[in-house]
Amino acid sequence: MSTVTVKVAGMTCSHCASSVHDELGSIPGVTGVDVDLSSGKATVESDSPVDNDALKTAVEEAGYQLAG
């Protein structure tokens, strides 16, 4: 099991967080996603480590960017 937390820039509402949640959840191997709107952080749990490019692409598909 692998867990990674990323900071997402630009989320301002629950719809934003839901979009990010759905896109991250569609990455193959991801078993759970928790998006915290107030902190701007998304935690992704998976069977094996998720490639950073896959995380970046999923967040961008939702219309946002990884911060930091």
Protein backbone atom coordinates (compact mmCIF):
# COMPACT_ATOMS: atom_id res chain seq x y z
CA MET A 1 0.00 0.00 0.00
CA SER A 2 1.26 3.46 -0.87
CA THR A 3 0.06 6.91 0.24
CA VAL A 4 1.04 10.27 -1.22
CA THR A 5 -0.24 13.76 -0.40
CA VAL A 6 -0.08 16.59 -2.92
CA LYS A 7 -1.01 20.27 -2.73
CA VAL A 8 -3.50 21.43 -5.36
CA ALA A 9 -3.62 25.11 -6.35
CA GLY A 10 -6.83 26.87 -7.25
CA MET A 11 -9.56 24.86 -5.52
CA THR A 12 -12.15 27.25 -4.10
CA CYS A 13 -15.35 25.22 -3.64
CA SER A 14 -16.70 21.74 -3.03
CA HIS A 15 -17.26 21.24 -6.77
CA CYS A 16 -13.54 21.93 -7.32
CA ALA A 17 -12.62 19.33 -4.72
CA SER A 18 -15.06 16.84 -6.21
CA SER A 19 -13.55 17.25 -9.69
CA VAL A 20 -10.04 16.68 -8.33
CA HIS A 21 -11.28 13.68 -6.32
CA ASP A 22 -12.87 12.08 -9.38
CA GLU A 23 -9.85 12.58 -11.64
CA LEU A 24 -7.36 11.28 -9.06
CA GLY A 25 -9.65 8.33 -8.38
CA SER A 26 -9.58 7.37 -12.06
CA ILE A 27 -5.82 6.68 -12.00
CA PRO A 28 -5.24 2.92 -12.36
CA GLY A 29 -4.30 1.32 -9.03
CA VAL A 30 -5.73 4.12 -6.87
CA THR A 31 -7.82 2.67 -4.04
CA GLY A 32 -8.78 5.85 -2.17
CA VAL A 33 -8.72 9.63 -2.45
CA ASP A 34 -9.31 12.28 0.21
CA VAL A 35 -9.42 15.93 -0.88
CA ASP A 36 -9.32 18.57 1.88
CA LEU A 37 -10.61 21.84 0.42
CA SER A 38 -9.54 23.96 3.39
CA SER A 39 -5.88 22.90 3.18
CA GLY A 40 -5.83 22.37 -0.58
CA LYS A 41 -4.31 18.92 -0.10
CA ALA A 42 -5.25 15.66 -1.75
CA THR A 43 -4.19 12.32 -0.30
CA VAL A 44 -4.06 9.37 -2.66
CA GLU A 45 -3.88 5.75 -1.53
CA SER A 46 -2.90 3.07 -4.00
CA ASP A 47 -1.79 -0.53 -4.34
CA SER A 48 1.62 0.62 -5.56
CA PRO A 49 3.34 4.02 -5.84
CA VAL A 50 1.63 6.38 -8.29
CA ASP A 51 3.81 8.19 -10.80
CA ASN A 52 4.03 11.95 -10.18
CA ASP A 53 3.23 12.60 -13.84
CA ALA A 54 -0.03 10.66 -13.46
CA LEU A 55 -0.97 12.78 -10.45
CA LYS A 56 -0.10 15.98 -12.31
CA THR A 57 -2.08 14.95 -15.38
CA ALA A 58 -5.16 14.00 -13.33
CA VAL A 59 -5.14 17.31 -11.44
CA GLU A 60 -4.72 19.23 -14.70
CA GLU A 61 -7.62 17.27 -16.26
CA ALA A 62 -9.76 18.57 -13.39
CA GLY A 63 -8.67 22.12 -14.29
CA TYR A 64 -6.11 22.74 -11.52
CA GLN A 65 -2.37 22.53 -10.93
CA LEU A 66 -0.12 20.89 -8.42
CA ALA A 67 1.34 23.52 -6.10
CA GLY A 68 4.93 23.60 -4.94
